[in-house]
PDB file of all heavy atoms in Angstrom:
ATOM      1  N   MET A   1     143.374 315.230  49.839  1.00  0.00           N
ATOM      2  CA  MET A   1     142.983 313.837  49.645  1.00  0.00           C
ATOM      3  C   MET A   1     143.159 313.033  50.925  1.00  0.00           C
ATOM      4  O   MET A   1     142.308 312.197  51.271  1.00  0.00           O
ATOM      5  CB  MET A   1     143.799 313.220  48.507  1.00  0.00           C
ATOM      6  CG  MET A   1     143.434 311.763  48.195  1.00  0.00           C
ATOM      7  SD  MET A   1     141.650 311.492  47.901  1.00  0.00           S
ATOM      8  CE  MET A   1     141.407 312.516  46.452  1.00  0.00           C
ATOM      9  N   MET A   2     144.236 313.277  51.648  1.00  0.00           N
ATOM     10  CA  MET A   2     144.434 312.588  52.930  1.00  0.00           C
ATOM     11  C   MET A   2     143.304 312.952  53.895  1.00  0.00           C
ATOM     12  O   MET A   2     142.788 312.092  54.626  1.00  0.00           O
ATOM     13  CB  MET A   2     145.782 312.980  53.517  1.00  0.00           C
ATOM     14  CG  MET A   2     146.986 312.358  52.814  1.00  0.00           C
ATOM     15  SD  MET A   2     147.113 310.562  53.067  1.00  0.00           S
ATOM     16  CE  MET A   2     147.523 310.488  54.820  1.00  0.00           C
ATOM     17  N   GLN A   3     142.929 314.208  53.909  1.00  0.00           N
ATOM     18  CA  GLN A   3     141.839 314.681  54.753  1.00  0.00           C
ATOM     19  C   GLN A   3     140.540 313.975  54.382  1.00  0.00           C
ATOM     20  O   GLN A   3     139.773 313.554  55.268  1.00  0.00           O
ATOM     21  CB  GLN A   3     141.697 316.179  54.571  1.00  0.00           C
ATOM     22  CG  GLN A   3     140.588 316.821  55.375  1.00  0.00           C
ATOM     23  CD  GLN A   3     140.454 318.305  55.041  1.00  0.00           C
ATOM     24  OE1 GLN A   3     141.414 318.953  54.648  1.00  0.00           O
ATOM     25  NE2 GLN A   3     139.249 318.822  55.173  1.00  0.00           N
ATOM     26  N   MET A   4     140.292 313.820  53.100  1.00  0.00           N
ATOM     27  CA  MET A   4     139.081 313.152  52.638  1.00  0.00           C
ATOM     28  C   MET A   4     139.065 311.680  53.050  1.00  0.00           C
ATOM     29  O   MET A   4     138.038 311.163  53.509  1.00  0.00           O
ATOM     30  CB  MET A   4     138.963 313.275  51.115  1.00  0.00           C
ATOM     31  CG  MET A   4     138.665 314.683  50.633  1.00  0.00           C
ATOM     32  SD  MET A   4     138.619 314.803  48.814  1.00  0.00           S
ATOM     33  CE  MET A   4     137.159 313.797  48.444  1.00  0.00           C
ATOM     34  N   LEU A   5     140.181 311.012  52.874  1.00  0.00           N
ATOM     35  CA  LEU A   5     140.252 309.595  53.239  1.00  0.00           C
ATOM     36  C   LEU A   5     140.036 309.404  54.735  1.00  0.00           C
ATOM     37  O   LEU A   5     139.340 308.476  55.159  1.00  0.00           O
ATOM     38  CB  LEU A   5     141.598 309.013  52.816  1.00  0.00           C
ATOM     39  CG  LEU A   5     141.844 308.920  51.308  1.00  0.00           C
ATOM     40  CD1 LEU A   5     143.268 308.430  51.034  1.00  0.00           C
ATOM     41  CD2 LEU A   5     140.836 307.997  50.625  1.00  0.00           C
ATOM     42  N   ALA A   6     140.637 310.301  55.539  1.00  0.00           N
ATOM     43  CA  ALA A   6     140.461 310.213  56.987  1.00  0.00           C
ATOM     44  C   ALA A   6     138.997 310.420  57.364  1.00  0.00           C
ATOM     45  O   ALA A   6     138.441 309.689  58.198  1.00  0.00           O
ATOM     46  CB  ALA A   6     141.345 311.250  57.678  1.00  0.00           C
ATOM     47  N   ALA A   7     138.354 311.408  56.727  1.00  0.00           N
ATOM     48  CA  ALA A   7     136.937 311.660  57.003  1.00  0.00           C
ATOM     49  C   ALA A   7     136.076 310.492  56.564  1.00  0.00           C
ATOM     50  O   ALA A   7     135.045 310.198  57.182  1.00  0.00           O
ATOM     51  CB  ALA A   7     136.491 312.936  56.286  1.00  0.00           C
ATOM     52  N   GLY A   8     136.516 309.818  55.511  1.00  0.00           N
ATOM     53  CA  GLY A   8     135.756 308.685  54.995  1.00  0.00           C
ATOM     54  C   GLY A   8     135.876 307.428  55.825  1.00  0.00           C
ATOM     55  O   GLY A   8     135.092 306.491  55.645  1.00  0.00           O
ATOM     56  N   GLY A   9     136.877 307.400  56.721  1.00  0.00           N
ATOM     57  CA  GLY A   9     137.014 306.240  57.594  1.00  0.00           C
ATOM     58  C   GLY A   9     138.291 305.460  57.465  1.00  0.00           C
ATOM     59  O   GLY A   9     138.478 304.450  58.156  1.00  0.00           O
ATOM     60  N   LEU A  10     139.210 305.910  56.605  1.00  0.00           N
ATOM     61  CA  LEU A  10     140.485 305.226  56.444  1.00  0.00           C
ATOM     62  C   LEU A  10     141.519 305.907  57.332  1.00  0.00           C
ATOM     63  O   LEU A  10     141.750 307.114  57.216  1.00  0.00           O
ATOM     64  CB  LEU A  10     140.939 305.258  54.984  1.00  0.00           C
ATOM     65  CG  LEU A  10     142.257 304.545  54.635  1.00  0.00           C
ATOM     66  CD1 LEU A  10     142.208 303.081  55.049  1.00  0.00           C
ATOM     67  CD2 LEU A  10     142.547 304.669  53.143  1.00  0.00           C
ATOM     68  N   THR A  11     142.147 305.158  58.198  1.00  0.00           N
ATOM     69  CA  THR A  11     143.106 305.715  59.154  1.00  0.00           C
ATOM     70  C   THR A  11     144.335 306.273  58.444  1.00  0.00           C
ATOM     71  O   THR A  11     144.992 305.562  57.684  1.00  0.00           O
ATOM     72  CB  THR A  11     143.563 304.644  60.157  1.00  0.00           C
ATOM     73  OG1 THR A  11     142.429 304.125  60.838  1.00  0.00           O
ATOM     74  CG2 THR A  11     144.539 305.228  61.176  1.00  0.00           C
ATOM     75  N   PRO A  12     144.681 307.534  58.685  1.00  0.00           N
ATOM     76  CA  PRO A  12     145.882 308.102  58.072  1.00  0.00           C
ATOM     77  C   PRO A  12     147.115 307.816  58.936  1.00  0.00           C
ATOM     78  O   PRO A  12     147.032 307.843  60.170  1.00  0.00           O
ATOM     79  CB  PRO A  12     145.581 309.600  58.042  1.00  0.00           C
ATOM     80  CG  PRO A  12     144.724 309.819  59.250  1.00  0.00           C
ATOM     81  CD  PRO A  12     143.897 308.559  59.405  1.00  0.00           C
ATOM     82  N   LEU A  13     148.232 307.546  58.309  1.00  0.00           N
ATOM     83  CA  LEU A  13     149.487 307.372  59.031  1.00  0.00           C
ATOM     84  C   LEU A  13     150.151 308.751  59.095  1.00  0.00           C
ATOM     85  O   LEU A  13     150.706 309.229  58.110  1.00  0.00           O
ATOM     86  CB  LEU A  13     150.390 306.366  58.328  1.00  0.00           C
ATOM     87  CG  LEU A  13     151.761 306.123  58.989  1.00  0.00           C
ATOM     88  CD1 LEU A  13     151.592 305.666  60.438  1.00  0.00           C
ATOM     89  CD2 LEU A  13     152.565 305.091  58.191  1.00  0.00           C
ATOM     90  N   THR A  14     150.053 309.392  60.234  1.00  0.00           N
ATOM     91  CA  THR A  14     150.606 310.725  60.435  1.00  0.00           C
ATOM     92  C   THR A  14     151.255 310.778  61.810  1.00  0.00           C
ATOM     93  O   THR A  14     151.024 309.904  62.661  1.00  0.00           O
ATOM     94  CB  THR A  14     149.530 311.820  60.349  1.00  0.00           C
ATOM     95  OG1 THR A  14     148.579 311.614  61.409  1.00  0.00           O
ATOM     96  CG2 THR A  14     148.797 311.775  59.021  1.00  0.00           C
ATOM     97  N   ASP A  15     152.054 311.813  62.040  1.00  0.00           N
ATOM     98  CA  ASP A  15     152.685 311.962  63.349  1.00  0.00           C
ATOM     99  C   ASP A  15     152.456 313.338  63.970  1.00  0.00           C
ATOM    100  O   ASP A  15     152.865 313.587  65.101  1.00  0.00           O
ATOM    101  CB  ASP A  15     154.190 311.675  63.277  1.00  0.00           C
ATOM    102  CG  ASP A  15     154.899 312.466  62.187  1.00  0.00           C
ATOM    103  OD1 ASP A  15     154.395 313.548  61.825  1.00  0.00           O
ATOM    104  OD2 ASP A  15     155.942 312.002  61.692  1.00  0.00           O
ATOM    105  N   GLY A  16     151.835 314.248  63.232  1.00  0.00           N
ATOM    106  CA  GLY A  16     151.545 315.561  63.768  1.00  0.00           C
ATOM    107  C   GLY A  16     152.733 316.483  63.924  1.00  0.00           C
ATOM    108  O   GLY A  16     152.615 317.573  64.495  1.00  0.00           O
ATOM    109  N   VAL A  17     153.894 316.073  63.395  1.00  0.00           N
ATOM    110  CA  VAL A  17     155.088 316.909  63.515  1.00  0.00           C
ATOM    111  C   VAL A  17     154.907 318.217  62.750  1.00  0.00           C
ATOM    112  O   VAL A  17     155.214 319.305  63.250  1.00  0.00           O
ATOM    113  CB  VAL A  17     156.341 316.164  63.018  1.00  0.00           C
ATOM    114  CG1 VAL A  17     157.539 317.101  62.952  1.00  0.00           C
ATOM    115  CG2 VAL A  17     156.648 314.975  63.922  1.00  0.00           C
ATOM    116  N   ARG A  18     154.397 318.119  61.530  1.00  0.00           N
ATOM    117  CA  ARG A  18     154.149 319.320  60.747  1.00  0.00           C
ATOM    118  C   ARG A  18     152.722 319.762  60.996  1.00  0.00           C
ATOM    119  O   ARG A  18     151.764 319.107  60.571  1.00  0.00           O
ATOM    120  CB  ARG A  18     154.381 319.058  59.262  1.00  0.00           C
ATOM    121  CG  ARG A  18     154.354 320.335  58.420  1.00  0.00           C
ATOM    122  CD  ARG A  18     154.703 320.072  56.975  1.00  0.00           C
ATOM    123  NE  ARG A  18     154.804 321.329  56.234  1.00  0.00           N
ATOM    124  CZ  ARG A  18     155.049 321.404  54.926  1.00  0.00           C
ATOM    125  NH1 ARG A  18     155.234 320.282  54.226  1.00  0.00           N
ATOM    126  NH2 ARG A  18     155.128 322.577  54.323  1.00  0.00           N
ATOM    127  N   VAL A  19     152.579 320.866  61.676  1.00  0.00           N
ATOM    128  CA  VAL A  19     151.250 321.332  62.070  1.00  0.00           C
ATOM    129  C   VAL A  19     150.641 322.201  60.976  1.00  0.00           C
ATOM    130  O   VAL A  19     151.323 322.661  60.056  1.00  0.00           O
ATOM    131  CB  VAL A  19     151.327 322.127  63.385  1.00  0.00           C
ATOM    132  CG1 VAL A  19     151.821 321.229  64.514  1.00  0.00           C
ATOM    133  CG2 VAL A  19     152.229 323.350  63.247  1.00  0.00           C
ATOM    134  N   SER A  20     149.337 322.442  61.092  1.00  0.00           N
ATOM    135  CA  SER A  20     148.651 323.269  60.112  1.00  0.00           C
ATOM    136  C   SER A  20     149.181 324.699  60.166  1.00  0.00           C
ATOM    137  O   SER A  20     149.678 325.162  61.200  1.00  0.00           O
ATOM    138  CB  SER A  20     147.151 323.258  60.378  1.00  0.00           C
ATOM    139  OG  SER A  20     146.874 323.743  61.680  1.00  0.00           O
ATOM    140  N   ASP A  21     149.081 325.405  59.041  1.00  0.00           N
ATOM    141  CA  ASP A  21     149.503 326.796  58.975  1.00  0.00           C
ATOM    142  C   ASP A  21     148.652 327.512  57.933  1.00  0.00           C
ATOM    143  O   ASP A  21     147.669 326.958  57.437  1.00  0.00           O
ATOM    144  CB  ASP A  21     151.006 326.911  58.665  1.00  0.00           C
ATOM    145  CG  ASP A  21     151.403 326.210  57.370  1.00  0.00           C
ATOM    146  OD1 ASP A  21     150.532 326.067  56.464  1.00  0.00           O
ATOM    147  OD2 ASP A  21     152.572 325.814  57.229  1.00  0.00           O
ATOM    148  N   ILE A  22     149.036 328.721  57.579  1.00  0.00           N
ATOM    149  CA  ILE A  22     148.239 329.502  56.636  1.00  0.00           C
ATOM    150  C   ILE A  22     148.159 328.840  55.269  1.00  0.00           C
ATOM    151  O   ILE A  22     147.186 329.017  54.526  1.00  0.00           O
ATOM    152  CB  ILE A  22     148.803 330.940  56.510  1.00  0.00           C
ATOM    153  CG1 ILE A  22     147.827 331.835  55.734  1.00  0.00           C
ATOM    154  CG2 ILE A  22     150.190 330.917  55.861  1.00  0.00           C
ATOM    155  CD1 ILE A  22     148.227 333.298  55.730  1.00  0.00           C
ATOM    156  N   ASN A  23     149.168 328.058  54.905  1.00  0.00           N
ATOM    157  CA  ASN A  23     149.181 327.395  53.604  1.00  0.00           C
ATOM    158  C   ASN A  23     148.285 326.159  53.574  1.00  0.00           C
ATOM    159  O   ASN A  23     147.675 325.865  52.554  1.00  0.00           O
ATOM    160  CB  ASN A  23     150.619 326.997  53.242  1.00  0.00           C
ATOM    161  CG  ASN A  23     151.521 328.208  53.101  1.00  0.00           C
ATOM    162  OD1 ASN A  23     151.341 329.031  52.218  1.00  0.00           O
ATOM    163  ND2 ASN A  23     152.488 328.334  54.001  1.00  0.00           N
ATOM    164  N   ASN A  24     148.221 325.453  54.677  1.00  0.00           N
ATOM    165  CA  ASN A  24     147.348 324.291  54.806  1.00  0.00           C
ATOM    166  C   ASN A  24     146.624 324.391  56.147  1.00  0.00           C
ATOM    167  O   ASN A  24     147.016 323.754  57.128  1.00  0.00           O
ATOM    168  CB  ASN A  24     148.165 322.983  54.748  1.00  0.00           C
ATOM    169  CG  ASN A  24     148.261 322.415  53.361  1.00  0.00           C
ATOM    170  OD1 ASN A  24     148.151 323.135  52.373  1.00  0.00           O
ATOM    171  ND2 ASN A  24     148.487 321.117  53.260  1.00  0.00           N
TER     172      ASN A  24
END
């Protein structure tokens, strides 16, 4: 859902500390 909102144009509040992995 966060990914969808970001793609739709709503800025996500994230810090990139937890990076993508096999689970996400």
